[in-house]
């Protein structure tokens, strides 16, 4: 009987990849390398055979040796000693191939469907390099969940804000979901801020379609320099200064006639120090200027020096802002 050495090698490579992807921690480099390996048509066919083997493996499911090996691969329970001995003793080419394919196909299906989660703490910013070459910048207090599949790249913005620099790939759309809002892109640069069950989407370069999960057509198509806030009663696309809207990616917050109330809320996102407005009369005072993210003291000093706002500290360290003192 002739032995398909090349096929054996590919099965071994596939098994190696399945095992690696099934680890608790999987690096983006590993995922990138896996997709590169899978670009080879022969490797892709080997993967398809694994899927088909699993789909038709119902008759093998009750075999104690196969069940033990599958449980071991999934980390559900260690196989009994006798089962391990029997598997090794019966390790013949055909039986071994069938057993490995069944166990590892399940293993791979589970691993490829598992999202990769990333998060930042208050005041922290983080840049992610995804396996497809795209770049994601996470703002303070943000969390995303990433799934990269052969036909689709999906990111869920669970909380906070993120900037996306997407690598072009028409065959694999890049979809960001933030609550009830979806943003679909191919190759583009855009910013998404999670707001309740919706989002604020700002396009810097390229084009994105904004809609809702499950809708066949996009509700809004943005051009560079446009923004839409989906939580508003009647959302409208408006023109904005995209550089200012995304200045946080450079470690700066830029305000242009921004009400103090809004500026304080933005600055507070980057610090654990609480800022309170004790006088509603100052909430709408327009503030302009550029500040380093996390530099609360410089922001408070500017409010005092330029706008006459009085700042004091409470016993617990909070900063209390009041209207300018009148004499």
C-alpha atoms as a PDB file:
ATOM      1  CA  UNK A   1       0.000   0.000   0.000  1.00  0.00           C
ATOM      2  CA  UNK A   2       1.509   3.353  -1.047  1.00  0.00           C
ATOM      3  CA  UNK A   3       1.949   5.962   1.627  1.00  0.00           C
ATOM      4  CA  UNK A   4       0.985   9.549   0.823  1.00  0.00           C
ATOM      5  CA  UNK A   5       3.977  11.197   2.457  1.00  0.00           C
ATOM      6  CA  UNK A   6       3.046  14.692   1.312  1.00  0.00           C
ATOM      7  CA  UNK A   7      -0.471  14.240   2.634  1.00  0.00           C
ATOM      8  CA  UNK A   8       0.905  13.012   5.943  1.00  0.00           C
ATOM      9  CA  UNK A   9       3.110  16.083   6.186  1.00  0.00           C
ATOM     10  CA  UNK A  10       0.182  18.392   5.535  1.00  0.00           C
ATOM     11  CA  UNK A  11      -1.934  16.597   8.125  1.00  0.00           C
ATOM     12  CA  UNK A  12       0.885  16.962  10.616  1.00  0.00           C
ATOM     13  CA  UNK A  13       1.168  20.654   9.812  1.00  0.00           C
ATOM     14  CA  UNK A  14      -2.582  21.056  10.195  1.00  0.00           C
ATOM     15  CA  UNK A  15      -2.499  19.213  13.513  1.00  0.00           C
ATOM     16  CA  UNK A  16       0.313  21.470  14.670  1.00  0.00           C
ATOM     17  CA  UNK A  17      -1.648  24.581  13.742  1.00  0.00           C
ATOM     18  CA  UNK A  18      -4.818  23.325  15.401  1.00  0.00           C
ATOM     19  CA  UNK A  19      -2.937  22.604  18.593  1.00  0.00           C
ATOM     20  CA  UNK A  20      -1.246  26.002  18.563  1.00  0.00           C
ATOM     21  CA  UNK A  21      -4.482  27.892  17.925  1.00  0.00           C
ATOM     22  CA  UNK A  22      -6.165  26.006  20.730  1.00  0.00           C
ATOM     23  CA  UNK A  23      -3.846  27.316  23.409  1.00  0.00           C
ATOM     24  CA  UNK A  24      -5.264  29.638  26.037  1.00  0.00           C
ATOM     25  CA  UNK A  25      -3.168  32.510  24.674  1.00  0.00           C
ATOM     26  CA  UNK A  26      -2.776  32.888  20.916  1.00  0.00           C
ATOM     27  CA  UNK A  27      -0.585  35.652  19.499  1.00  0.00           C
ATOM     28  CA  UNK A  28      -1.592  37.714  16.487  1.00  0.00           C
ATOM     29  CA  UNK A  29       1.650  36.532  14.876  1.00  0.00           C
ATOM     30  CA  UNK A  30       0.494  32.911  15.100  1.00  0.00           C
ATOM     31  CA  UNK A  31      -2.866  33.789  13.564  1.00  0.00           C
ATOM     32  CA  UNK A  32      -1.172  35.709  10.756  1.00  0.00           C
ATOM     33  CA  UNK A  33       1.183  32.794  10.072  1.00  0.00           C
ATOM     34  CA  UNK A  34      -1.741  30.377  10.034  1.00  0.00           C
ATOM     35  CA  UNK A  35      -3.591  32.373   7.382  1.00  0.00           C
ATOM     36  CA  UNK A  36      -0.377  32.568   5.353  1.00  0.00           C
ATOM     37  CA  UNK A  37      -0.034  28.773   5.573  1.00  0.00           C
ATOM     38  CA  UNK A  38      -3.651  28.335   4.557  1.00  0.00           C
ATOM     39  CA  UNK A  39      -3.180  30.444   1.385  1.00  0.00           C
ATOM     40  CA  UNK A  40      -1.523  27.392  -0.193  1.00  0.00           C
ATOM     41  CA  UNK A  41      -4.362  25.615  -2.056  1.00  0.00           C
ATOM     42  CA  UNK A  42      -3.113  22.200  -0.928  1.00  0.00           C
ATOM     43  CA  UNK A  43      -3.137  23.337   2.685  1.00  0.00           C
ATOM     44  CA  UNK A  44      -6.605  24.815   2.241  1.00  0.00           C
ATOM     45  CA  UNK A  45      -7.824  21.488   0.854  1.00  0.00           C
ATOM     46  CA  UNK A  46      -6.294  19.690   3.815  1.00  0.00           C
ATOM     47  CA  UNK A  47      -8.240  21.974   6.111  1.00  0.00           C
ATOM     48  CA  UNK A  48     -11.438  21.311   4.164  1.00  0.00           C
ATOM     49  CA  UNK A  49     -10.856  17.560   4.529  1.00  0.00           C
ATOM     50  CA  UNK A  50     -10.563  18.064   8.260  1.00  0.00           C
ATOM     51  CA  UNK A  51     -13.923  19.835   8.294  1.00  0.00           C
ATOM     52  CA  UNK A  52     -15.537  17.110   6.190  1.00  0.00           C
ATOM     53  CA  UNK A  53     -14.042  14.409   8.394  1.00  0.00           C
ATOM     54  CA  UNK A  54     -15.621  16.011  11.415  1.00  0.00           C
ATOM     55  CA  UNK A  55     -18.965  16.455   9.660  1.00  0.00           C
ATOM     56  CA  UNK A  56     -19.121  12.734   8.875  1.00  0.00           C
ATOM     57  CA  UNK A  57     -17.651  11.505  12.131  1.00  0.00           C
ATOM     58  CA  UNK A  58     -20.888  10.759  13.924  1.00  0.00           C
ATOM     59  CA  UNK A  59     -20.293   7.018  13.733  1.00  0.00           C
ATOM     60  CA  UNK A  60     -16.993   7.437  15.544  1.00  0.00           C
ATOM     61  CA  UNK A  61     -18.321   9.648  18.302  1.00  0.00           C
ATOM     62  CA  UNK A  62     -19.103   6.740  20.636  1.00  0.00           C
ATOM     63  CA  UNK A  63     -15.658   5.171  20.340  1.00  0.00           C
ATOM     64  CA  UNK A  64     -14.074   5.476  23.839  1.00  0.00           C
ATOM     65  CA  UNK A  65     -10.593   6.075  22.471  1.00  0.00           C
ATOM     66  CA  UNK A  66     -11.763   8.860  20.168  1.00  0.00           C
ATOM     67  CA  UNK A  67     -13.906  10.407  22.897  1.00  0.00           C
ATOM     68  CA  UNK A  68     -10.942  10.405  25.248  1.00  0.00           C
ATOM     69  CA  UNK A  69      -8.672  12.013  22.667  1.00  0.00           C
ATOM     70  CA  UNK A  70     -11.271  14.644  21.785  1.00  0.00           C
ATOM     71  CA  UNK A  71     -11.798  15.502  25.446  1.00  0.00           C
ATOM     72  CA  UNK A  72      -8.063  15.773  25.898  1.00  0.00           C
ATOM     73  CA  UNK A  73      -7.709  18.103  22.911  1.00  0.00           C
ATOM     74  CA  UNK A  74     -10.445  20.358  24.207  1.00  0.00           C
ATOM     75  CA  UNK A  75      -9.020  20.339  27.704  1.00  0.00           C
ATOM     76  CA  UNK A  76     -12.276  19.078  29.187  1.00  0.00           C
ATOM     77  CA  UNK A  77     -10.742  16.192  31.097  1.00  0.00           C
ATOM     78  CA  UNK A  78      -7.557  14.119  31.056  1.00  0.00           C
ATOM     79  CA  UNK A  79      -8.048  10.737  29.368  1.00  0.00           C
ATOM     80  CA  UNK A  80      -7.709   7.637  31.549  1.00  0.00           C
ATOM     81  CA  UNK A  81      -4.345   5.897  31.524  1.00  0.00           C
ATOM     82  CA  UNK A  82      -5.731   2.787  29.858  1.00  0.00           C
ATOM     83  CA  UNK A  83      -7.267   4.849  27.050  1.00  0.00           C
ATOM     84  CA  UNK A  84      -3.951   6.576  26.397  1.00  0.00           C
ATOM     85  CA  UNK A  85      -2.213   3.198  26.293  1.00  0.00           C
ATOM     86  CA  UNK A  86      -4.770   1.752  23.899  1.00  0.00           C
ATOM     87  CA  UNK A  87      -4.517   4.739  21.556  1.00  0.00           C
ATOM     88  CA  UNK A  88      -0.738   4.502  21.390  1.00  0.00           C
ATOM     89  CA  UNK A  89      -0.820   0.711  20.954  1.00  0.00           C
ATOM     90  CA  UNK A  90      -3.381   0.926  18.137  1.00  0.00           C
ATOM     91  CA  UNK A  91      -1.656   3.853  16.405  1.00  0.00           C
ATOM     92  CA  UNK A  92      -1.880   2.564  12.845  1.00  0.00           C
ATOM     93  CA  UNK A  93      -1.844   4.926   9.836  1.00  0.00           C
ATOM     94  CA  UNK A  94      -5.561   4.790   9.007  1.00  0.00           C
ATOM     95  CA  UNK A  95      -6.872   4.665  12.563  1.00  0.00           C
ATOM     96  CA  UNK A  96      -4.479   7.372  13.680  1.00  0.00           C
ATOM     97  CA  UNK A  97      -5.425   9.647  10.789  1.00  0.00           C
ATOM     98  CA  UNK A  98      -9.138   9.272  11.457  1.00  0.00           C
ATOM     99  CA  UNK A  99      -8.764   9.830  15.190  1.00  0.00           C
ATOM    100  CA  UNK A 100      -6.540  12.870  14.793  1.00  0.00           C
ATOM    101  CA  UNK A 101      -8.767  14.424  12.147  1.00  0.00           C
ATOM    102  CA  UNK A 102     -11.908  14.020  14.233  1.00  0.00           C
ATOM    103  CA  UNK A 103     -10.384  15.433  17.406  1.00  0.00           C
ATOM    104  CA  UNK A 104      -8.419  18.206  15.743  1.00  0.00           C
ATOM    105  CA  UNK A 105     -11.243  19.311  13.459  1.00  0.00           C
ATOM    106  CA  UNK A 106     -13.372  20.023  16.506  1.00  0.00           C
ATOM    107  CA  UNK A 107     -10.352  21.641  18.105  1.00  0.00           C
ATOM    108  CA  UNK A 108      -9.779  23.933  15.104  1.00  0.00           C
ATOM    109  CA  UNK A 109     -13.431  24.884  14.747  1.00  0.00           C
ATOM    110  CA  UNK A 110     -13.505  25.940  18.389  1.00  0.00           C
ATOM    111  CA  UNK A 111     -10.202  27.827  18.186  1.00  0.00           C
ATOM    112  CA  UNK A 112     -10.993  29.780  15.001  1.00  0.00           C
ATOM    113  CA  UNK A 113     -14.379  30.882  16.379  1.00  0.00           C
ATOM    114  CA  UNK A 114     -12.897  32.101  19.644  1.00  0.00           C
ATOM    115  CA  UNK A 115     -12.523  35.905  19.828  1.00  0.00           C
ATOM    116  CA  UNK A 116      -9.385  37.661  21.030  1.00  0.00           C
ATOM    117  CA  UNK A 117     -10.113  40.313  23.662  1.00  0.00           C
ATOM    118  CA  UNK A 118      -8.075  43.454  24.287  1.00  0.00           C
ATOM    119  CA  UNK A 119      -8.614  46.202  26.860  1.00  0.00           C
ATOM    120  CA  UNK A 120      -7.071  49.354  28.305  1.00  0.00           C
ATOM    121  CA  UNK A 121      -7.222  50.778  31.813  1.00  0.00           C
ATOM    122  CA  UNK A 122      -8.047  54.382  32.701  1.00  0.00           C
ATOM    123  CA  UNK A 123      -5.392  56.665  31.237  1.00  0.00           C
ATOM    124  CA  UNK A 124      -3.907  53.900  29.078  1.00  0.00           C
ATOM    125  CA  UNK A 125      -3.738  53.804  25.288  1.00  0.00           C
ATOM    126  CA  UNK A 126      -2.683  50.768  23.305  1.00  0.00           C
ATOM    127  CA  UNK A 127      -1.888  50.014  19.665  1.00  0.00           C
ATOM    128  CA  UNK A 128      -2.778  46.586  18.275  1.00  0.00           C
ATOM    129  CA  UNK A 129      -1.394  45.028  15.111  1.00  0.00           C
ATOM    130  CA  UNK A 130      -3.892  42.489  13.827  1.00  0.00           C
ATOM    131  CA  UNK A 131      -2.902  39.398  11.881  1.00  0.00           C
ATOM    132  CA  UNK A 132      -4.348  40.829   8.644  1.00  0.00           C
ATOM    133  CA  UNK A 133      -2.067  43.882   8.865  1.00  0.00           C
ATOM    134  CA  UNK A 134      -4.722  46.268  10.186  1.00  0.00           C
ATOM    135  CA  UNK A 135      -3.946  48.565  13.110  1.00  0.00           C
ATOM    136  CA  UNK A 136      -6.251  49.386  16.022  1.00  0.00           C
ATOM    137  CA  UNK A 137      -5.560  52.106  18.596  1.00  0.00           C
ATOM    138  CA  UNK A 138      -7.509  51.655  21.819  1.00  0.00           C
ATOM    139  CA  UNK A 139      -8.291  54.761  23.829  1.00  0.00           C
ATOM    140  CA  UNK A 140      -8.528  54.952  27.611  1.00  0.00           C
ATOM    141  CA  UNK A 141     -10.947  52.535  29.313  1.00  0.00           C
ATOM    142  CA  UNK A 142     -11.775  50.666  26.118  1.00  0.00           C
ATOM    143  CA  UNK A 143     -12.358  47.025  25.234  1.00  0.00           C
ATOM    144  CA  UNK A 144     -12.650  45.219  21.903  1.00  0.00           C
ATOM    145  CA  UNK A 145     -13.228  41.635  20.834  1.00  0.00           C
ATOM    146  CA  UNK A 146     -11.598  40.558  17.550  1.00  0.00           C
ATOM    147  CA  UNK A 147     -12.424  37.653  15.216  1.00  0.00           C
ATOM    148  CA  UNK A 148     -10.480  37.168  11.985  1.00  0.00           C
ATOM    149  CA  UNK A 149     -11.991  34.610   9.628  1.00  0.00           C
ATOM    150  CA  UNK A 150     -11.206  33.695   6.016  1.00  0.00           C
ATOM    151  CA  UNK A 151     -14.261  35.581   4.719  1.00  0.00           C
ATOM    152  CA  UNK A 152     -14.792  38.309   7.314  1.00  0.00           C
ATOM    153  CA  UNK A 153     -12.934  40.411   9.868  1.00  0.00           C
ATOM    154  CA  UNK A 154     -15.087  41.326  12.858  1.00  0.00           C
ATOM    155  CA  UNK A 155     -14.422  43.648  15.783  1.00  0.00           C
ATOM    156  CA  UNK A 156     -16.868  44.346  18.600  1.00  0.00           C
ATOM    157  CA  UNK A 157     -16.285  47.616  20.435  1.00  0.00           C
ATOM    158  CA  UNK A 158     -17.597  46.652  23.851  1.00  0.00           C
ATOM    159  CA  UNK A 159     -16.772  49.982  25.481  1.00  0.00           C
ATOM    160  CA  UNK A 160     -14.740  53.135  24.978  1.00  0.00           C
ATOM    161  CA  UNK A 161     -13.206  54.340  21.737  1.00  0.00           C
ATOM    162  CA  UNK A 162     -10.952  52.944  19.026  1.00  0.00           C
ATOM    163  CA  UNK A 163      -9.263  54.152  15.861  1.00  0.00           C
ATOM    164  CA  UNK A 164      -9.062  51.706  12.957  1.00  0.00           C
ATOM    165  CA  UNK A 165      -6.477  51.740  10.172  1.00  0.00           C
ATOM    166  CA  UNK A 166      -7.776  48.897   8.001  1.00  0.00           C
ATOM    167  CA  UNK A 167      -5.693  46.870   5.570  1.00  0.00           C
ATOM    168  CA  UNK A 168      -7.505  46.617   2.248  1.00  0.00           C
ATOM    169  CA  UNK A 169      -8.975  43.212   1.356  1.00  0.00           C
ATOM    170  CA  UNK A 170     -12.176  43.294  -0.752  1.00  0.00           C
ATOM    171  CA  UNK A 171     -12.750  39.578  -0.154  1.00  0.00           C
ATOM    172  CA  UNK A 172     -12.781  40.071   3.632  1.00  0.00           C
ATOM    173  CA  UNK A 173     -14.842  43.077   4.759  1.00  0.00           C
ATOM    174  CA  UNK A 174     -13.836  44.654   8.061  1.00  0.00           C
ATOM    175  CA  UNK A 175     -16.915  45.113  10.269  1.00  0.00           C
ATOM    176  CA  UNK A 176     -16.979  46.977  13.580  1.00  0.00           C
ATOM    177  CA  UNK A 177     -20.024  46.512  15.806  1.00  0.00           C
ATOM    178  CA  UNK A 178     -20.770  48.971  18.609  1.00  0.00           C
ATOM    179  CA  UNK A 179     -24.090  48.246  20.259  1.00  0.00           C
ATOM    180  CA  UNK A 180     -26.769  48.534  17.582  1.00  0.00           C
ATOM    181  CA  UNK A 181     -24.377  50.156  15.103  1.00  0.00           C
ATOM    182  CA  UNK A 182     -22.216  48.459  12.469  1.00  0.00           C
ATOM    183  CA  UNK A 183     -19.426  50.072  10.471  1.00  0.00           C
ATOM    184  CA  UNK A 184     -18.279  48.228   7.347  1.00  0.00           C
ATOM    185  CA  UNK A 185     -14.999  49.043   5.603  1.00  0.00           C
ATOM    186  CA  UNK A 186     -12.545  47.490   3.172  1.00  0.00           C
ATOM    187  CA  UNK A 187      -9.436  49.654   3.388  1.00  0.00           C
ATOM    188  CA  UNK A 188      -9.862  52.893   5.316  1.00  0.00           C
ATOM    189  CA  UNK A 189      -9.156  54.883   8.492  1.00  0.00           C
ATOM    190  CA  UNK A 190     -11.941  55.750  10.900  1.00  0.00           C
ATOM    191  CA  UNK A 191     -12.792  56.350  14.553  1.00  0.00           C
ATOM    192  CA  UNK A 192     -15.612  54.783  16.581  1.00  0.00           C
ATOM    193  CA  UNK A 193     -16.764  55.943  20.022  1.00  0.00           C
ATOM    194  CA  UNK A 194     -19.241  53.734  21.873  1.00  0.00           C
ATOM    195  CA  UNK A 195     -22.187  55.775  23.152  1.00  0.00           C
ATOM    196  CA  UNK A 196     -24.747  53.731  25.055  1.00  0.00           C
ATOM    197  CA  UNK A 197     -26.283  51.299  22.586  1.00  0.00           C
ATOM    198  CA  UNK A 198     -24.999  53.261  19.601  1.00  0.00           C
ATOM    199  CA  UNK A 199     -21.848  54.994  18.455  1.00  0.00           C
ATOM    200  CA  UNK A 200     -20.200  58.092  17.048  1.00  0.00           C
ATOM    201  CA  UNK A 201     -18.410  57.286  13.793  1.00  0.00           C
ATOM    202  CA  UNK A 202     -15.857  59.638  12.217  1.00  0.00           C
ATOM    203  CA  UNK A 203     -14.229  58.919   8.862  1.00  0.00           C
ATOM    204  CA  UNK A 204     -10.678  60.112   8.218  1.00  0.00           C
ATOM    205  CA  UNK A 205      -9.856  58.376   4.939  1.00  0.00           C
ATOM    206  CA  UNK A 206     -11.585  56.080   2.447  1.00  0.00           C
ATOM    207  CA  UNK A 207     -15.253  55.189   2.846  1.00  0.00           C
ATOM    208  CA  UNK A 208     -17.381  53.360   5.396  1.00  0.00           C
ATOM    209  CA  UNK A 209     -20.986  52.219   5.474  1.00  0.00           C
ATOM    210  CA  UNK A 210     -22.820  52.666   8.763  1.00  0.00           C
ATOM    211  CA  UNK A 211     -25.947  50.731   9.609  1.00  0.00           C
ATOM    212  CA  UNK A 212     -27.469  48.256  12.037  1.00  0.00           C
ATOM    213  CA  UNK A 213     -26.750  44.534  12.491  1.00  0.00           C
ATOM    214  CA  UNK A 214     -28.883  42.418  10.202  1.00  0.00           C
ATOM    215  CA  UNK A 215     -29.809  45.215   7.792  1.00  0.00           C
ATOM    216  CA  UNK A 216     -29.206  44.482   4.128  1.00  0.00           C
ATOM    217  CA  UNK A 217     -28.325  48.053   3.184  1.00  0.00           C
ATOM    218  CA  UNK A 218     -26.270  50.699   4.980  1.00  0.00           C
ATOM    219  CA  UNK A 219     -28.170  53.628   6.455  1.00  0.00           C
ATOM    220  CA  UNK A 220     -25.317  56.099   5.988  1.00  0.00           C
ATOM    221  CA  UNK A 221     -22.256  56.136   3.717  1.00  0.00           C
ATOM    222  CA  UNK A 222     -19.585  58.490   5.026  1.00  0.00           C
ATOM    223  CA  UNK A 223     -16.972  60.425   3.078  1.00  0.00           C
ATOM    224  CA  UNK A 224     -13.699  61.672   4.632  1.00  0.00           C
ATOM    225  CA  UNK A 225     -14.323  64.391   7.205  1.00  0.00           C
ATOM    226  CA  UNK A 226     -17.877  63.253   7.926  1.00  0.00           C
ATOM    227  CA  UNK A 227     -19.372  61.992  11.170  1.00  0.00           C
ATOM    228  CA  UNK A 228     -22.621  60.439  12.332  1.00  0.00           C
ATOM    229  CA  UNK A 229     -23.912  59.859  15.876  1.00  0.00           C
ATOM    230  CA  UNK A 230     -26.379  56.980  15.816  1.00  0.00           C
ATOM    231  CA  UNK A 231     -27.775  57.586  19.309  1.00  0.00           C
ATOM    232  CA  UNK A 232     -29.435  60.852  18.301  1.00  0.00           C
ATOM    233  CA  UNK A 233     -33.172  60.874  17.698  1.00  0.00           C
ATOM    234  CA  UNK A 234     -32.761  61.653  14.008  1.00  0.00           C
ATOM    235  CA  UNK A 235     -29.096  61.016  13.180  1.00  0.00           C
ATOM    236  CA  UNK A 236     -27.624  63.202  10.476  1.00  0.00           C
ATOM    237  CA  UNK A 237     -24.272  63.083   8.731  1.00  0.00           C
ATOM    238  CA  UNK A 238     -22.277  66.230   9.454  1.00  0.00           C
ATOM    239  CA  UNK A 239     -18.900  67.613   8.452  1.00  0.00           C
ATOM    240  CA  UNK A 240     -16.268  67.786  11.212  1.00  0.00           C
ATOM    241  CA  UNK A 241     -12.569  68.464  11.695  1.00  0.00           C
ATOM    242  CA  UNK A 242     -11.398  64.848  11.556  1.00  0.00           C
ATOM    243  CA  UNK A 243      -7.920  65.744  12.829  1.00  0.00           C
ATOM    244  CA  UNK A 244      -9.384  67.343  15.944  1.00  0.00           C
ATOM    245  CA  UNK A 245     -11.865  64.531  16.468  1.00  0.00           C
ATOM    246  CA  UNK A 246      -9.048  61.966  16.412  1.00  0.00           C
ATOM    247  CA  UNK A 247      -6.375  64.049  18.176  1.00  0.00           C
ATOM    248  CA  UNK A 248      -6.509  61.624  21.102  1.00  0.00           C
ATOM    249  CA  UNK A 249      -4.541  59.143  18.974  1.00  0.00           C
ATOM    250  CA  UNK A 250      -1.551  61.515  19.291  1.00  0.00           C
ATOM    251  CA  UNK A 251      -1.980  61.911  23.044  1.00  0.00           C
ATOM    252  CA  UNK A 252      -3.715  65.290  22.799  1.00  0.00           C
ATOM    253  CA  UNK A 253      -7.216  66.587  23.440  1.00  0.00           C
ATOM    254  CA  UNK A 254      -8.154  69.566  21.281  1.00  0.00           C
ATOM    255  CA  UNK A 255     -11.132  71.739  22.217  1.00  0.00           C
ATOM    256  CA  UNK A 256     -12.600  74.469  20.015  1.00  0.00           C
ATOM    257  CA  UNK A 257     -15.314  76.486  21.771  1.00  0.00           C
ATOM    258  CA  UNK A 258     -16.285  73.309  23.601  1.00  0.00           C
ATOM    259  CA  UNK A 259     -18.610  73.819  26.610  1.00  0.00           C
ATOM    260  CA  UNK A 260     -16.758  73.321  29.908  1.00  0.00           C
ATOM    261  CA  UNK A 261     -19.196  70.554  30.819  1.00  0.00           C
ATOM    262  CA  UNK A 262     -18.183  68.522  27.756  1.00  0.00           C
ATOM    263  CA  UNK A 263     -14.478  69.320  28.113  1.00  0.00           C
ATOM    264  CA  UNK A 264     -14.493  68.200  31.751  1.00  0.00           C
ATOM    265  CA  UNK A 265     -16.213  64.936  30.816  1.00  0.00           C
ATOM    266  CA  UNK A 266     -13.576  64.265  28.141  1.00  0.00           C
ATOM    267  CA  UNK A 267     -10.593  65.082  30.368  1.00  0.00           C
ATOM    268  CA  UNK A 268     -12.036  62.933  33.161  1.00  0.00           C
ATOM    269  CA  UNK A 269     -11.896  59.830  30.955  1.00  0.00           C
ATOM    270  CA  UNK A 270      -8.098  59.826  31.246  1.00  0.00           C
ATOM    271  CA  UNK A 271      -7.808  60.151  35.022  1.00  0.00           C
ATOM    272  CA  UNK A 272      -9.158  58.554  38.171  1.00  0.00           C
ATOM    273  CA  UNK A 273      -9.332  61.999  39.765  1.00  0.00           C
ATOM    274  CA  UNK A 274     -12.934  63.191  39.941  1.00  0.00           C
ATOM    275  CA  UNK A 275     -13.838  66.655  38.618  1.00  0.00           C
ATOM    276  CA  UNK A 276     -17.134  68.181  39.759  1.00  0.00           C
ATOM    277  CA  UNK A 277     -18.984  71.234  38.469  1.00  0.00           C
ATOM    278  CA  UNK A 278     -20.617  72.773  41.528  1.00  0.00           C
ATOM    279  CA  UNK A 279     -21.980  75.778  39.667  1.00  0.00           C
ATOM    280  CA  UNK A 280     -24.234  75.103  36.698  1.00  0.00           C
ATOM    281  CA  UNK A 281     -23.592  78.608  35.443  1.00  0.00           C
ATOM    282  CA  UNK A 282     -20.140  77.681  34.155  1.00  0.00           C
ATOM    283  CA  UNK A 283     -21.208  74.513  32.337  1.00  0.00           C
ATOM    284  CA  UNK A 284     -21.676  76.268  28.990  1.00  0.00           C
ATOM    285  CA  UNK A 285     -18.575  78.487  29.041  1.00  0.00           C
ATOM    286  CA  UNK A 286     -16.745  77.725  25.752  1.00  0.00           C
ATOM    287  CA  UNK A 287     -13.225  76.356  26.145  1.00  0.00           C
ATOM    288  CA  UNK A 288     -10.523  76.280  23.466  1.00  0.00           C
ATOM    289  CA  UNK A 289      -7.050  74.794  23.668  1.00  0.00           C
ATOM    290  CA  UNK A 290      -4.943  71.640  23.375  1.00  0.00           C
ATOM    291  CA  UNK A 291      -4.040  69.491  26.372  1.00  0.00           C
ATOM    292  CA  UNK A 292      -2.068  66.305  26.918  1.00  0.00           C
ATOM    293  CA  UNK A 293      -4.288  63.350  27.764  1.00  0.00           C
ATOM    294  CA  UNK A 294      -4.055  62.625  31.472  1.00  0.00           C
ATOM    295  CA  UNK A 295      -2.670  66.071  32.378  1.00  0.00           C
ATOM    296  CA  UNK A 296      -5.585  67.130  34.549  1.00  0.00           C
ATOM    297  CA  UNK A 297      -3.584  69.800  36.379  1.00  0.00           C
ATOM    298  CA  UNK A 298      -2.759  71.694  33.158  1.00  0.00           C
ATOM    299  CA  UNK A 299      -6.415  71.650  32.153  1.00  0.00           C
ATOM    300  CA  UNK A 300      -7.592  72.959  35.525  1.00  0.00           C
ATOM    301  CA  UNK A 301      -4.889  75.634  35.508  1.00  0.00           C
ATOM    302  CA  UNK A 302      -6.064  76.816  32.083  1.00  0.00           C
ATOM    303  CA  UNK A 303      -9.662  77.061  33.287  1.00  0.00           C
ATOM    304  CA  UNK A 304      -8.514  79.203  36.205  1.00  0.00           C
ATOM    305  CA  UNK A 305      -6.089  81.422  34.277  1.00  0.00           C
ATOM    306  CA  UNK A 306      -8.069  81.932  31.081  1.00  0.00           C
ATOM    307  CA  UNK A 307     -11.678  81.677  32.192  1.00  0.00           C
ATOM    308  CA  UNK A 308     -11.549  82.663  35.858  1.00  0.00           C
ATOM    309  CA  UNK A 309     -12.999  79.370  37.062  1.00  0.00           C
ATOM    310  CA  UNK A 310     -12.305  78.721  40.750  1.00  0.00           C
ATOM    311  CA  UNK A 311     -10.845  75.311  41.570  1.00  0.00           C
ATOM    312  CA  UNK A 312     -10.598  73.727  45.014  1.00  0.00           C
ATOM    313  CA  UNK A 313      -9.852  70.255  46.388  1.00  0.00           C
ATOM    314  CA  UNK A 314     -12.194  68.217  48.531  1.00  0.00           C
ATOM    315  CA  UNK A 315     -10.866  65.996  51.360  1.00  0.00           C
ATOM    316  CA  UNK A 316     -11.119  62.932  49.113  1.00  0.00           C
ATOM    317  CA  UNK A 317      -9.005  64.573  46.386  1.00  0.00           C
ATOM    318  CA  UNK A 318     -11.801  65.550  43.999  1.00  0.00           C
ATOM    319  CA  UNK A 319     -11.452  68.822  42.088  1.00  0.00           C
ATOM    320  CA  UNK A 320     -14.393  71.187  42.615  1.00  0.00           C
ATOM    321  CA  UNK A 321     -15.047  73.836  39.955  1.00  0.00           C
ATOM    322  CA  UNK A 322     -17.105  76.953  40.659  1.00  0.00           C
ATOM    323  CA  UNK A 323     -17.953  80.185  38.894  1.00  0.00           C
ATOM    324  CA  UNK A 324     -15.464  83.063  39.064  1.00  0.00           C
ATOM    325  CA  UNK A 325     -15.600  84.926  42.346  1.00  0.00           C
ATOM    326  CA  UNK A 326     -17.264  88.328  42.133  1.00  0.00           C
ATOM    327  CA  UNK A 327     -16.222  91.298  44.223  1.00  0.00           C
END
